[in-house]
mmCIF file of all heavy atoms, coordinates in Angstrom:
data_MODEL
# 
_entry.id   MODEL 
# 
loop_
_atom_site.group_PDB 
_atom_site.id 
_atom_site.type_symbol 
_atom_site.label_atom_id 
_atom_site.label_alt_id 
_atom_site.label_comp_id 
_atom_site.label_asym_id 
_atom_site.label_entity_id 
_atom_site.label_seq_id 
_atom_site.pdbx_PDB_ins_code 
_atom_site.Cartn_x 
_atom_site.Cartn_y 
_atom_site.Cartn_z 
_atom_site.occupancy 
_atom_site.B_iso_or_equiv 
_atom_site.pdbx_formal_charge 
_atom_site.auth_seq_id 
_atom_site.auth_comp_id 
_atom_site.auth_asym_id 
_atom_site.auth_atom_id 
_atom_site.pdbx_PDB_model_num 
ATOM 1   N N   . TYR A 1 1  ? 100.292 101.883 110.423 1.00 0.00 ? 1  TYR A N   1 
ATOM 2   C CA  . TYR A 1 1  ? 101.113 102.226 109.227 1.00 0.00 ? 1  TYR A CA  1 
ATOM 3   C C   . TYR A 1 1  ? 100.244 102.795 108.111 1.00 0.00 ? 1  TYR A C   1 
ATOM 4   O O   . TYR A 1 1  ? 100.810 103.373 107.133 1.00 0.00 ? 1  TYR A O   1 
ATOM 5   C CB  . TYR A 1 1  ? 101.920 101.045 108.714 1.00 0.00 ? 1  TYR A CB  1 
ATOM 6   C CG  . TYR A 1 1  ? 102.992 100.670 109.789 1.00 0.00 ? 1  TYR A CG  1 
ATOM 7   C CD1 . TYR A 1 1  ? 102.994 99.489  110.477 1.00 0.00 ? 1  TYR A CD1 1 
ATOM 8   C CD2 . TYR A 1 1  ? 103.985 101.504 109.909 1.00 0.00 ? 1  TYR A CD2 1 
ATOM 9   C CE1 . TYR A 1 1  ? 103.870 99.168  111.373 1.00 0.00 ? 1  TYR A CE1 1 
ATOM 10  C CE2 . TYR A 1 1  ? 105.011 101.215 110.905 1.00 0.00 ? 1  TYR A CE2 1 
ATOM 11  C CZ  . TYR A 1 1  ? 104.990 100.085 111.564 1.00 0.00 ? 1  TYR A CZ  1 
ATOM 12  O OH  . TYR A 1 1  ? 105.959 99.767  112.457 1.00 0.00 ? 1  TYR A OH  1 
ATOM 13  N N   . SER A 1 2  ? 98.957  102.804 108.343 1.00 0.00 ? 2  SER A N   1 
ATOM 14  C CA  . SER A 1 2  ? 98.092  103.430 107.277 1.00 0.00 ? 2  SER A CA  1 
ATOM 15  C C   . SER A 1 2  ? 97.692  104.816 107.860 1.00 0.00 ? 2  SER A C   1 
ATOM 16  O O   . SER A 1 2  ? 97.128  105.665 107.125 1.00 0.00 ? 2  SER A O   1 
ATOM 17  C CB  . SER A 1 2  ? 96.794  102.735 106.946 1.00 0.00 ? 2  SER A CB  1 
ATOM 18  O OG  . SER A 1 2  ? 95.967  102.486 108.167 1.00 0.00 ? 2  SER A OG  1 
ATOM 19  N N   . MET A 1 3  ? 97.915  105.131 109.097 1.00 0.00 ? 3  MET A N   1 
ATOM 20  C CA  . MET A 1 3  ? 97.652  106.432 109.662 1.00 0.00 ? 3  MET A CA  1 
ATOM 21  C C   . MET A 1 3  ? 98.152  107.657 108.993 1.00 0.00 ? 3  MET A C   1 
ATOM 22  O O   . MET A 1 3  ? 97.490  108.614 108.844 1.00 0.00 ? 3  MET A O   1 
ATOM 23  C CB  . MET A 1 3  ? 98.082  106.411 111.127 1.00 0.00 ? 3  MET A CB  1 
ATOM 24  C CG  . MET A 1 3  ? 97.160  105.482 112.022 1.00 0.00 ? 3  MET A CG  1 
ATOM 25  S SD  . MET A 1 3  ? 95.434  106.097 112.186 1.00 0.00 ? 3  MET A SD  1 
ATOM 26  C CE  . MET A 1 3  ? 95.838  107.494 113.418 1.00 0.00 ? 3  MET A CE  1 
ATOM 27  N N   . GLY A 1 4  ? 99.464  107.529 108.462 1.00 0.00 ? 4  GLY A N   1 
ATOM 28  C CA  . GLY A 1 4  ? 100.092 108.652 107.910 1.00 0.00 ? 4  GLY A CA  1 
ATOM 29  C C   . GLY A 1 4  ? 99.379  109.196 106.789 1.00 0.00 ? 4  GLY A C   1 
ATOM 30  O O   . GLY A 1 4  ? 99.010  110.357 106.630 1.00 0.00 ? 4  GLY A O   1 
ATOM 31  N N   . LEU A 1 5  ? 99.030  108.282 105.802 1.00 0.00 ? 5  LEU A N   1 
ATOM 32  C CA  . LEU A 1 5  ? 98.321  108.616 104.510 1.00 0.00 ? 5  LEU A CA  1 
ATOM 33  C C   . LEU A 1 5  ? 96.877  108.992 104.871 1.00 0.00 ? 5  LEU A C   1 
ATOM 34  O O   . LEU A 1 5  ? 96.333  109.870 104.242 1.00 0.00 ? 5  LEU A O   1 
ATOM 35  C CB  . LEU A 1 5  ? 98.414  107.589 103.564 1.00 0.00 ? 5  LEU A CB  1 
ATOM 36  C CG  . LEU A 1 5  ? 99.824  107.247 102.916 1.00 0.00 ? 5  LEU A CG  1 
ATOM 37  C CD1 . LEU A 1 5  ? 99.748  106.125 101.819 1.00 0.00 ? 5  LEU A CD1 1 
ATOM 38  C CD2 . LEU A 1 5  ? 100.337 108.581 102.167 1.00 0.00 ? 5  LEU A CD2 1 
ATOM 39  N N   . ALA A 1 6  ? 96.291  108.279 105.827 1.00 0.00 ? 6  ALA A N   1 
ATOM 40  C CA  . ALA A 1 6  ? 94.931  108.622 106.153 1.00 0.00 ? 6  ALA A CA  1 
ATOM 41  C C   . ALA A 1 6  ? 94.733  110.074 106.769 1.00 0.00 ? 6  ALA A C   1 
ATOM 42  O O   . ALA A 1 6  ? 93.828  110.818 106.273 1.00 0.00 ? 6  ALA A O   1 
ATOM 43  C CB  . ALA A 1 6  ? 94.359  107.627 107.137 1.00 0.00 ? 6  ALA A CB  1 
ATOM 44  N N   . LEU A 1 7  ? 95.708  110.353 107.605 1.00 0.00 ? 7  LEU A N   1 
ATOM 45  C CA  . LEU A 1 7  ? 95.670  111.767 108.093 1.00 0.00 ? 7  LEU A CA  1 
ATOM 46  C C   . LEU A 1 7  ? 95.891  112.792 107.095 1.00 0.00 ? 7  LEU A C   1 
ATOM 47  O O   . LEU A 1 7  ? 95.360  113.866 107.096 1.00 0.00 ? 7  LEU A O   1 
ATOM 48  C CB  . LEU A 1 7  ? 96.594  111.940 109.314 1.00 0.00 ? 7  LEU A CB  1 
ATOM 49  C CG  . LEU A 1 7  ? 96.265  111.181 110.562 1.00 0.00 ? 7  LEU A CG  1 
ATOM 50  C CD1 . LEU A 1 7  ? 97.395  111.272 111.576 1.00 0.00 ? 7  LEU A CD1 1 
ATOM 51  C CD2 . LEU A 1 7  ? 94.971  111.601 111.134 1.00 0.00 ? 7  LEU A CD2 1 
ATOM 52  N N   . GLN A 1 8  ? 96.871  112.493 106.158 1.00 0.00 ? 8  GLN A N   1 
ATOM 53  C CA  . GLN A 1 8  ? 97.068  113.400 105.046 1.00 0.00 ? 8  GLN A CA  1 
ATOM 54  C C   . GLN A 1 8  ? 95.768  113.556 104.217 1.00 0.00 ? 8  GLN A C   1 
ATOM 55  O O   . GLN A 1 8  ? 95.491  114.739 103.739 1.00 0.00 ? 8  GLN A O   1 
ATOM 56  C CB  . GLN A 1 8  ? 98.122  112.893 104.178 1.00 0.00 ? 8  GLN A CB  1 
ATOM 57  C CG  . GLN A 1 8  ? 99.596  112.978 104.740 1.00 0.00 ? 8  GLN A CG  1 
ATOM 58  C CD  . GLN A 1 8  ? 100.647 112.715 103.669 1.00 0.00 ? 8  GLN A CD  1 
ATOM 59  O OE1 . GLN A 1 8  ? 100.567 113.329 102.574 1.00 0.00 ? 8  GLN A OE1 1 
ATOM 60  N NE2 . GLN A 1 8  ? 101.591 111.807 103.881 1.00 0.00 ? 8  GLN A NE2 1 
ATOM 61  N N   . ALA A 1 9  ? 95.052  112.464 103.883 1.00 0.00 ? 9  ALA A N   1 
ATOM 62  C CA  . ALA A 1 9  ? 93.934  112.584 103.139 1.00 0.00 ? 9  ALA A CA  1 
ATOM 63  C C   . ALA A 1 9  ? 92.845  113.429 103.809 1.00 0.00 ? 9  ALA A C   1 
ATOM 64  O O   . ALA A 1 9  ? 92.119  114.258 103.174 1.00 0.00 ? 9  ALA A O   1 
ATOM 65  C CB  . ALA A 1 9  ? 93.455  111.209 102.805 1.00 0.00 ? 9  ALA A CB  1 
ATOM 66  N N   . LEU A 1 10 ? 92.634  113.263 105.027 1.00 0.00 ? 10 LEU A N   1 
ATOM 67  C CA  . LEU A 1 10 ? 91.653  113.977 105.856 1.00 0.00 ? 10 LEU A CA  1 
ATOM 68  C C   . LEU A 1 10 ? 92.034  115.447 105.841 1.00 0.00 ? 10 LEU A C   1 
ATOM 69  O O   . LEU A 1 10 ? 91.132  116.258 105.799 1.00 0.00 ? 10 LEU A O   1 
ATOM 70  C CB  . LEU A 1 10 ? 91.619  113.401 107.221 1.00 0.00 ? 10 LEU A CB  1 
ATOM 71  C CG  . LEU A 1 10 ? 90.790  111.986 107.307 1.00 0.00 ? 10 LEU A CG  1 
ATOM 72  C CD1 . LEU A 1 10 ? 91.059  111.323 108.665 1.00 0.00 ? 10 LEU A CD1 1 
ATOM 73  C CD2 . LEU A 1 10 ? 89.375  112.064 107.001 1.00 0.00 ? 10 LEU A CD2 1 
ATOM 74  N N   . GLU A 1 11 ? 93.286  115.745 106.005 1.00 0.00 ? 11 GLU A N   1 
ATOM 75  C CA  . GLU A 1 11 ? 93.650  117.127 106.047 1.00 0.00 ? 11 GLU A CA  1 
ATOM 76  C C   . GLU A 1 11 ? 93.621  117.752 104.708 1.00 0.00 ? 11 GLU A C   1 
ATOM 77  O O   . GLU A 1 11 ? 92.991  118.969 104.570 1.00 0.00 ? 11 GLU A O   1 
ATOM 78  C CB  . GLU A 1 11 ? 95.251  117.180 106.454 1.00 0.00 ? 11 GLU A CB  1 
ATOM 79  C CG  . GLU A 1 11 ? 95.793  118.630 106.303 1.00 0.00 ? 11 GLU A CG  1 
ATOM 80  C CD  . GLU A 1 11 ? 95.224  119.521 107.324 1.00 0.00 ? 11 GLU A CD  1 
ATOM 81  O OE1 . GLU A 1 11 ? 94.722  119.058 108.420 1.00 0.00 ? 11 GLU A OE1 1 
ATOM 82  O OE2 . GLU A 1 11 ? 95.200  120.678 107.098 1.00 0.00 ? 11 GLU A OE2 1 
ATOM 83  N N   . ALA A 1 12 ? 93.862  117.014 103.608 1.00 0.00 ? 12 ALA A N   1 
ATOM 84  C CA  . ALA A 1 12 ? 93.629  117.691 102.230 1.00 0.00 ? 12 ALA A CA  1 
ATOM 85  C C   . ALA A 1 12 ? 92.185  117.834 101.860 1.00 0.00 ? 12 ALA A C   1 
ATOM 86  O O   . ALA A 1 12 ? 91.875  118.653 100.957 1.00 0.00 ? 12 ALA A O   1 
ATOM 87  C CB  . ALA A 1 12 ? 94.316  116.715 101.249 1.00 0.00 ? 12 ALA A CB  1 
ATOM 88  N N   . THR A 1 13 ? 91.204  117.057 102.512 1.00 0.00 ? 13 THR A N   1 
ATOM 89  C CA  . THR A 1 13 ? 89.888  117.150 102.112 1.00 0.00 ? 13 THR A CA  1 
ATOM 90  C C   . THR A 1 13 ? 88.947  117.652 103.208 1.00 0.00 ? 13 THR A C   1 
ATOM 91  O O   . THR A 1 13 ? 87.721  117.460 103.225 1.00 0.00 ? 13 THR A O   1 
ATOM 92  C CB  . THR A 1 13 ? 89.353  115.757 101.676 1.00 0.00 ? 13 THR A CB  1 
ATOM 93  O OG1 . THR A 1 13 ? 89.533  114.826 102.748 1.00 0.00 ? 13 THR A OG1 1 
ATOM 94  C CG2 . THR A 1 13 ? 90.170  115.235 100.439 1.00 0.00 ? 13 THR A CG2 1 
ATOM 95  N N   . ARG A 1 14 ? 89.542  118.304 104.187 1.00 0.00 ? 14 ARG A N   1 
ATOM 96  C CA  . ARG A 1 14 ? 88.820  118.767 105.343 1.00 0.00 ? 14 ARG A CA  1 
ATOM 97  C C   . ARG A 1 14 ? 87.598  119.651 105.014 1.00 0.00 ? 14 ARG A C   1 
ATOM 98  O O   . ARG A 1 14 ? 86.590  119.592 105.764 1.00 0.00 ? 14 ARG A O   1 
ATOM 99  C CB  . ARG A 1 14 ? 89.713  119.439 106.371 1.00 0.00 ? 14 ARG A CB  1 
ATOM 100 C CG  . ARG A 1 14 ? 90.259  120.830 105.896 1.00 0.00 ? 14 ARG A CG  1 
ATOM 101 C CD  . ARG A 1 14 ? 90.818  121.477 107.140 1.00 0.00 ? 14 ARG A CD  1 
ATOM 102 N NE  . ARG A 1 14 ? 91.827  120.736 107.918 1.00 0.00 ? 14 ARG A NE  1 
ATOM 103 C CZ  . ARG A 1 14 ? 91.486  120.345 109.208 1.00 0.00 ? 14 ARG A CZ  1 
ATOM 104 N NH1 . ARG A 1 14 ? 90.303  120.547 109.760 1.00 0.00 ? 14 ARG A NH1 1 
ATOM 105 N NH2 . ARG A 1 14 ? 92.439  119.625 109.846 1.00 0.00 ? 14 ARG A NH2 1 
ATOM 106 N N   . LYS A 1 15 ? 87.635  120.397 103.906 1.00 0.00 ? 15 LYS A N   1 
ATOM 107 C CA  . LYS A 1 15 ? 86.497  121.250 103.622 1.00 0.00 ? 15 LYS A CA  1 
ATOM 108 C C   . LYS A 1 15 ? 85.293  120.584 103.027 1.00 0.00 ? 15 LYS A C   1 
ATOM 109 O O   . LYS A 1 15 ? 84.236  121.051 102.891 1.00 0.00 ? 15 LYS A O   1 
ATOM 110 C CB  . LYS A 1 15 ? 86.963  122.370 102.628 1.00 0.00 ? 15 LYS A CB  1 
ATOM 111 C CG  . LYS A 1 15 ? 87.337  121.802 101.229 1.00 0.00 ? 15 LYS A CG  1 
ATOM 112 C CD  . LYS A 1 15 ? 87.697  122.974 100.386 1.00 0.00 ? 15 LYS A CD  1 
ATOM 113 C CE  . LYS A 1 15 ? 88.038  122.476 98.880  1.00 0.00 ? 15 LYS A CE  1 
ATOM 114 N NZ  . LYS A 1 15 ? 88.462  123.570 97.996  1.00 0.00 ? 15 LYS A NZ  1 
ATOM 115 N N   . PHE A 1 16 ? 85.496  119.218 102.813 1.00 0.00 ? 16 PHE A N   1 
ATOM 116 C CA  . PHE A 1 16 ? 84.379  118.448 102.179 1.00 0.00 ? 16 PHE A CA  1 
ATOM 117 C C   . PHE A 1 16 ? 83.580  117.587 103.249 1.00 0.00 ? 16 PHE A C   1 
ATOM 118 O O   . PHE A 1 16 ? 82.676  116.859 102.929 1.00 0.00 ? 16 PHE A O   1 
ATOM 119 C CB  . PHE A 1 16 ? 84.915  117.588 101.068 1.00 0.00 ? 16 PHE A CB  1 
ATOM 120 C CG  . PHE A 1 16 ? 85.594  118.213 99.926  1.00 0.00 ? 16 PHE A CG  1 
ATOM 121 C CD1 . PHE A 1 16 ? 86.935  118.222 99.766  1.00 0.00 ? 16 PHE A CD1 1 
ATOM 122 C CD2 . PHE A 1 16 ? 84.791  119.054 99.111  1.00 0.00 ? 16 PHE A CD2 1 
ATOM 123 C CE1 . PHE A 1 16 ? 87.521  118.856 98.708  1.00 0.00 ? 16 PHE A CE1 1 
ATOM 124 C CE2 . PHE A 1 16 ? 85.354  119.654 98.059  1.00 0.00 ? 16 PHE A CE2 1 
ATOM 125 C CZ  . PHE A 1 16 ? 86.762  119.680 97.831  1.00 0.00 ? 16 PHE A CZ  1 
ATOM 126 N N   . TYR A 1 17 ? 84.043  117.709 104.491 1.00 0.00 ? 17 TYR A N   1 
ATOM 127 C CA  . TYR A 1 17 ? 83.284  116.828 105.474 1.00 0.00 ? 17 TYR A CA  1 
ATOM 128 C C   . TYR A 1 17 ? 83.212  117.687 106.847 1.00 0.00 ? 17 TYR A C   1 
ATOM 129 O O   . TYR A 1 17 ? 83.910  118.564 107.027 1.00 0.00 ? 17 TYR A O   1 
ATOM 130 C CB  . TYR A 1 17 ? 84.069  115.477 105.718 1.00 0.00 ? 17 TYR A CB  1 
ATOM 131 C CG  . TYR A 1 17 ? 85.411  115.657 106.282 1.00 0.00 ? 17 TYR A CG  1 
ATOM 132 C CD1 . TYR A 1 17 ? 85.677  115.847 107.656 1.00 0.00 ? 17 TYR A CD1 1 
ATOM 133 C CD2 . TYR A 1 17 ? 86.547  115.703 105.503 1.00 0.00 ? 17 TYR A CD2 1 
ATOM 134 C CE1 . TYR A 1 17 ? 86.978  115.972 108.210 1.00 0.00 ? 17 TYR A CE1 1 
ATOM 135 C CE2 . TYR A 1 17 ? 87.873  115.841 106.005 1.00 0.00 ? 17 TYR A CE2 1 
ATOM 136 C CZ  . TYR A 1 17 ? 87.979  115.958 107.383 1.00 0.00 ? 17 TYR A CZ  1 
ATOM 137 O OH  . TYR A 1 17 ? 89.276  116.218 107.893 1.00 0.00 ? 17 TYR A OH  1 
ATOM 138 N N   . ASP A 1 18 ? 82.329  117.246 107.589 1.00 0.00 ? 18 ASP A N   1 
ATOM 139 C CA  . ASP A 1 18 ? 82.130  117.851 108.866 1.00 0.00 ? 18 ASP A CA  1 
ATOM 140 C C   . ASP A 1 18 ? 83.124  117.285 109.897 1.00 0.00 ? 18 ASP A C   1 
ATOM 141 O O   . ASP A 1 18 ? 83.306  116.027 110.043 1.00 0.00 ? 18 ASP A O   1 
ATOM 142 C CB  . ASP A 1 18 ? 80.727  117.397 109.426 1.00 0.00 ? 18 ASP A CB  1 
ATOM 143 C CG  . ASP A 1 18 ? 80.316  118.199 110.705 1.00 0.00 ? 18 ASP A CG  1 
ATOM 144 O OD1 . ASP A 1 18 ? 81.351  118.554 111.456 1.00 0.00 ? 18 ASP A OD1 1 
ATOM 145 O OD2 . ASP A 1 18 ? 79.201  118.315 111.035 1.00 0.00 ? 18 ASP A OD2 1 
ATOM 146 N N   . SER A 1 19 ? 83.974  118.219 110.471 1.00 0.00 ? 19 SER A N   1 
ATOM 147 C CA  . SER A 1 19 ? 85.094  117.814 111.255 1.00 0.00 ? 19 SER A CA  1 
ATOM 148 C C   . SER A 1 19 ? 84.608  116.987 112.424 1.00 0.00 ? 19 SER A C   1 
ATOM 149 O O   . SER A 1 19 ? 85.440  116.204 113.029 1.00 0.00 ? 19 SER A O   1 
ATOM 150 C CB  . SER A 1 19 ? 85.767  118.986 111.784 1.00 0.00 ? 19 SER A CB  1 
ATOM 151 O OG  . SER A 1 19 ? 84.926  119.860 112.594 1.00 0.00 ? 19 SER A OG  1 
ATOM 152 N N   . ARG A 1 20 ? 83.350  116.948 112.738 1.00 0.00 ? 20 ARG A N   1 
ATOM 153 C CA  . ARG A 1 20 ? 82.871  116.187 113.892 1.00 0.00 ? 20 ARG A CA  1 
ATOM 154 C C   . ARG A 1 20 ? 82.737  114.722 113.577 1.00 0.00 ? 20 ARG A C   1 
ATOM 155 O O   . ARG A 1 20 ? 82.434  113.890 114.385 1.00 0.00 ? 20 ARG A O   1 
ATOM 156 C CB  . ARG A 1 20 ? 81.521  116.745 114.370 1.00 0.00 ? 20 ARG A CB  1 
ATOM 157 C CG  . ARG A 1 20 ? 81.595  118.074 115.030 1.00 0.00 ? 20 ARG A CG  1 
ATOM 158 C CD  . ARG A 1 20 ? 80.238  118.714 115.370 1.00 0.00 ? 20 ARG A CD  1 
ATOM 159 N NE  . ARG A 1 20 ? 79.530  118.892 114.105 1.00 0.00 ? 20 ARG A NE  1 
ATOM 160 C CZ  . ARG A 1 20 ? 78.302  119.377 113.966 1.00 0.00 ? 20 ARG A CZ  1 
ATOM 161 N NH1 . ARG A 1 20 ? 77.599  119.614 115.150 1.00 0.00 ? 20 ARG A NH1 1 
ATOM 162 N NH2 . ARG A 1 20 ? 77.611  119.473 112.822 1.00 0.00 ? 20 ARG A NH2 1 
ATOM 163 N N   . GLU A 1 21 ? 82.934  114.418 112.298 1.00 0.00 ? 21 GLU A N   1 
ATOM 164 C CA  . GLU A 1 21 ? 82.723  113.062 111.841 1.00 0.00 ? 21 GLU A CA  1 
ATOM 165 C C   . GLU A 1 21 ? 83.830  112.195 112.341 1.00 0.00 ? 21 GLU A C   1 
ATOM 166 O O   . GLU A 1 21 ? 83.765  110.906 112.220 1.00 0.00 ? 21 GLU A O   1 
ATOM 167 C CB  . GLU A 1 21 ? 82.538  112.955 110.263 1.00 0.00 ? 21 GLU A CB  1 
ATOM 168 C CG  . GLU A 1 21 ? 81.247  113.620 109.776 1.00 0.00 ? 21 GLU A CG  1 
ATOM 169 C CD  . GLU A 1 21 ? 81.131  113.519 108.319 1.00 0.00 ? 21 GLU A CD  1 
ATOM 170 O OE1 . GLU A 1 21 ? 81.990  112.903 107.678 1.00 0.00 ? 21 GLU A OE1 1 
ATOM 171 O OE2 . GLU A 1 21 ? 80.121  114.054 107.795 1.00 0.00 ? 21 GLU A OE2 1 
ATOM 172 N N   . TRP A 1 22 ? 85.010  112.753 112.580 1.00 0.00 ? 22 TRP A N   1 
ATOM 173 C CA  . TRP A 1 22 ? 86.057  112.019 113.190 1.00 0.00 ? 22 TRP A CA  1 
ATOM 174 C C   . TRP A 1 22 ? 86.831  112.765 114.236 1.00 0.00 ? 22 TRP A C   1 
ATOM 175 O O   . TRP A 1 22 ? 86.838  113.998 114.207 1.00 0.00 ? 22 TRP A O   1 
ATOM 176 C CB  . TRP A 1 22 ? 87.032  111.507 112.056 1.00 0.00 ? 22 TRP A CB  1 
ATOM 177 C CG  . TRP A 1 22 ? 87.896  112.574 111.411 1.00 0.00 ? 22 TRP A CG  1 
ATOM 178 C CD1 . TRP A 1 22 ? 87.410  113.655 110.635 1.00 0.00 ? 22 TRP A CD1 1 
ATOM 179 C CD2 . TRP A 1 22 ? 89.212  112.910 111.457 1.00 0.00 ? 22 TRP A CD2 1 
ATOM 180 N NE1 . TRP A 1 22 ? 88.359  114.446 110.201 1.00 0.00 ? 22 TRP A NE1 1 
ATOM 181 C CE2 . TRP A 1 22 ? 89.617  114.051 110.752 1.00 0.00 ? 22 TRP A CE2 1 
ATOM 182 C CE3 . TRP A 1 22 ? 90.283  112.252 112.159 1.00 0.00 ? 22 TRP A CE3 1 
ATOM 183 C CZ2 . TRP A 1 22 ? 90.846  114.481 110.660 1.00 0.00 ? 22 TRP A CZ2 1 
ATOM 184 C CZ3 . TRP A 1 22 ? 91.606  112.683 112.089 1.00 0.00 ? 22 TRP A CZ3 1 
ATOM 185 C CH2 . TRP A 1 22 ? 91.871  113.839 111.287 1.00 0.00 ? 22 TRP A CH2 1 
ATOM 186 N N   . ASP A 1 23 ? 87.418  112.129 115.132 1.00 0.00 ? 23 ASP A N   1 
ATOM 187 C CA  . ASP A 1 23 ? 88.033  112.789 116.256 1.00 0.00 ? 23 ASP A CA  1 
ATOM 188 C C   . ASP A 1 23 ? 89.595  112.933 115.828 1.00 0.00 ? 23 ASP A C   1 
ATOM 189 O O   . ASP A 1 23 ? 90.397  112.136 115.956 1.00 0.00 ? 23 ASP A O   1 
ATOM 190 C CB  . ASP A 1 23 ? 87.998  111.854 117.524 1.00 0.00 ? 23 ASP A CB  1 
ATOM 191 C CG  . ASP A 1 23 ? 88.543  112.634 118.767 1.00 0.00 ? 23 ASP A CG  1 
ATOM 192 O OD1 . ASP A 1 23 ? 89.238  113.510 118.684 1.00 0.00 ? 23 ASP A OD1 1 
ATOM 193 O OD2 . ASP A 1 23 ? 88.092  112.205 119.894 1.00 0.00 ? 23 ASP A OD2 1 
ATOM 194 N N   . CYS A 1 24 ? 89.792  114.223 115.384 1.00 0.00 ? 24 CYS A N   1 
ATOM 195 C CA  . CYS A 1 24 ? 91.199  114.544 114.929 1.00 0.00 ? 24 CYS A CA  1 
ATOM 196 C C   . CYS A 1 24 ? 92.152  114.412 116.118 1.00 0.00 ? 24 CYS A C   1 
ATOM 197 O O   . CYS A 1 24 ? 93.289  113.886 115.848 1.00 0.00 ? 24 CYS A O   1 
ATOM 198 C CB  . CYS A 1 24 ? 91.153  115.921 114.402 1.00 0.00 ? 24 CYS A CB  1 
ATOM 199 S SG  . CYS A 1 24 ? 92.770  116.650 113.889 1.00 0.00 ? 24 CYS A SG  1 
ATOM 200 N N   . ALA A 1 25 ? 91.922  114.963 117.293 1.00 0.00 ? 25 ALA A N   1 
ATOM 201 C CA  . ALA A 1 25 ? 92.837  114.898 118.398 1.00 0.00 ? 25 ALA A CA  1 
ATOM 202 C C   . ALA A 1 25 ? 93.195  113.497 118.779 1.00 0.00 ? 25 ALA A C   1 
ATOM 203 O O   . ALA A 1 25 ? 94.319  113.197 119.076 1.00 0.00 ? 25 ALA A O   1 
ATOM 204 C CB  . ALA A 1 25 ? 92.283  115.651 119.588 1.00 0.00 ? 25 ALA A CB  1 
ATOM 205 N N   . GLN A 1 26 ? 92.136  112.716 118.844 1.00 0.00 ? 26 GLN A N   1 
ATOM 206 C CA  . GLN A 1 26 ? 92.414  111.241 119.193 1.00 0.00 ? 26 GLN A CA  1 
ATOM 207 C C   . GLN A 1 26 ? 93.320  110.528 118.168 1.00 0.00 ? 26 GLN A C   1 
ATOM 208 O O   . GLN A 1 26 ? 94.162  109.860 118.549 1.00 0.00 ? 26 GLN A O   1 
ATOM 209 C CB  . GLN A 1 26 ? 91.055  110.540 119.331 1.00 0.00 ? 26 GLN A CB  1 
ATOM 210 C CG  . GLN A 1 26 ? 91.152  109.180 120.017 1.00 0.00 ? 26 GLN A CG  1 
ATOM 211 C CD  . GLN A 1 26 ? 89.773  108.520 120.181 1.00 0.00 ? 26 GLN A CD  1 
ATOM 212 O OE1 . GLN A 1 26 ? 88.949  108.515 119.206 1.00 0.00 ? 26 GLN A OE1 1 
ATOM 213 N NE2 . GLN A 1 26 ? 89.617  107.903 121.322 1.00 0.00 ? 26 GLN A NE2 1 
ATOM 214 N N   . ALA A 1 27 ? 93.063  110.863 116.834 1.00 0.00 ? 27 ALA A N   1 
ATOM 215 C CA  . ALA A 1 27 ? 93.828  110.142 115.778 1.00 0.00 ? 27 ALA A CA  1 
ATOM 216 C C   . ALA A 1 27 ? 95.293  110.644 115.822 1.00 0.00 ? 27 ALA A C   1 
ATOM 217 O O   . ALA A 1 27 ? 96.225  109.775 115.717 1.00 0.00 ? 27 ALA A O   1 
ATOM 218 C CB  . ALA A 1 27 ? 93.295  110.520 114.488 1.00 0.00 ? 27 ALA A CB  1 
ATOM 219 N N   . PHE A 1 28 ? 95.482  111.914 116.110 1.00 0.00 ? 28 PHE A N   1 
ATOM 220 C CA  . PHE A 1 28 ? 96.938  112.482 116.215 1.00 0.00 ? 28 PHE A CA  1 
ATOM 221 C C   . PHE A 1 28 ? 97.565  111.912 117.427 1.00 0.00 ? 28 PHE A C   1 
ATOM 222 O O   . PHE A 1 28 ? 98.790  111.707 117.514 1.00 0.00 ? 28 PHE A O   1 
ATOM 223 C CB  . PHE A 1 28 ? 97.040  113.940 116.309 1.00 0.00 ? 28 PHE A CB  1 
ATOM 224 C CG  . PHE A 1 28 ? 96.959  114.455 114.800 1.00 0.00 ? 28 PHE A CG  1 
ATOM 225 C CD1 . PHE A 1 28 ? 95.840  115.096 114.277 1.00 0.00 ? 28 PHE A CD1 1 
ATOM 226 C CD2 . PHE A 1 28 ? 98.110  114.615 114.106 1.00 0.00 ? 28 PHE A CD2 1 
ATOM 227 C CE1 . PHE A 1 28 ? 95.889  115.665 112.969 1.00 0.00 ? 28 PHE A CE1 1 
ATOM 228 C CE2 . PHE A 1 28 ? 98.095  115.093 112.872 1.00 0.00 ? 28 PHE A CE2 1 
ATOM 229 C CZ  . PHE A 1 28 ? 97.014  115.666 112.396 1.00 0.00 ? 28 PHE A CZ  1 
ATOM 230 N N   . SER A 1 29 ? 96.837  111.638 118.574 1.00 0.00 ? 29 SER A N   1 
ATOM 231 C CA  . SER A 1 29 ? 97.433  111.106 119.802 1.00 0.00 ? 29 SER A CA  1 
ATOM 232 C C   . SER A 1 29 ? 97.861  109.621 119.501 1.00 0.00 ? 29 SER A C   1 
ATOM 233 O O   . SER A 1 29 ? 99.001  109.290 120.076 1.00 0.00 ? 29 SER A O   1 
ATOM 234 C CB  . SER A 1 29 ? 96.357  111.103 120.837 1.00 0.00 ? 29 SER A CB  1 
ATOM 235 O OG  . SER A 1 29 ? 96.059  112.437 121.274 1.00 0.00 ? 29 SER A OG  1 
# 
C-alpha cells in the first residue's frame, strides 16, 4: 500500500538519481 506513492515519488524525481539504483520493472510487476 506504500507502493503507489513510492512509485510516484521515483517517477517525479527520476532525473536526480541513477535509474540503475532501483529495478523499475520489478517494482511495477
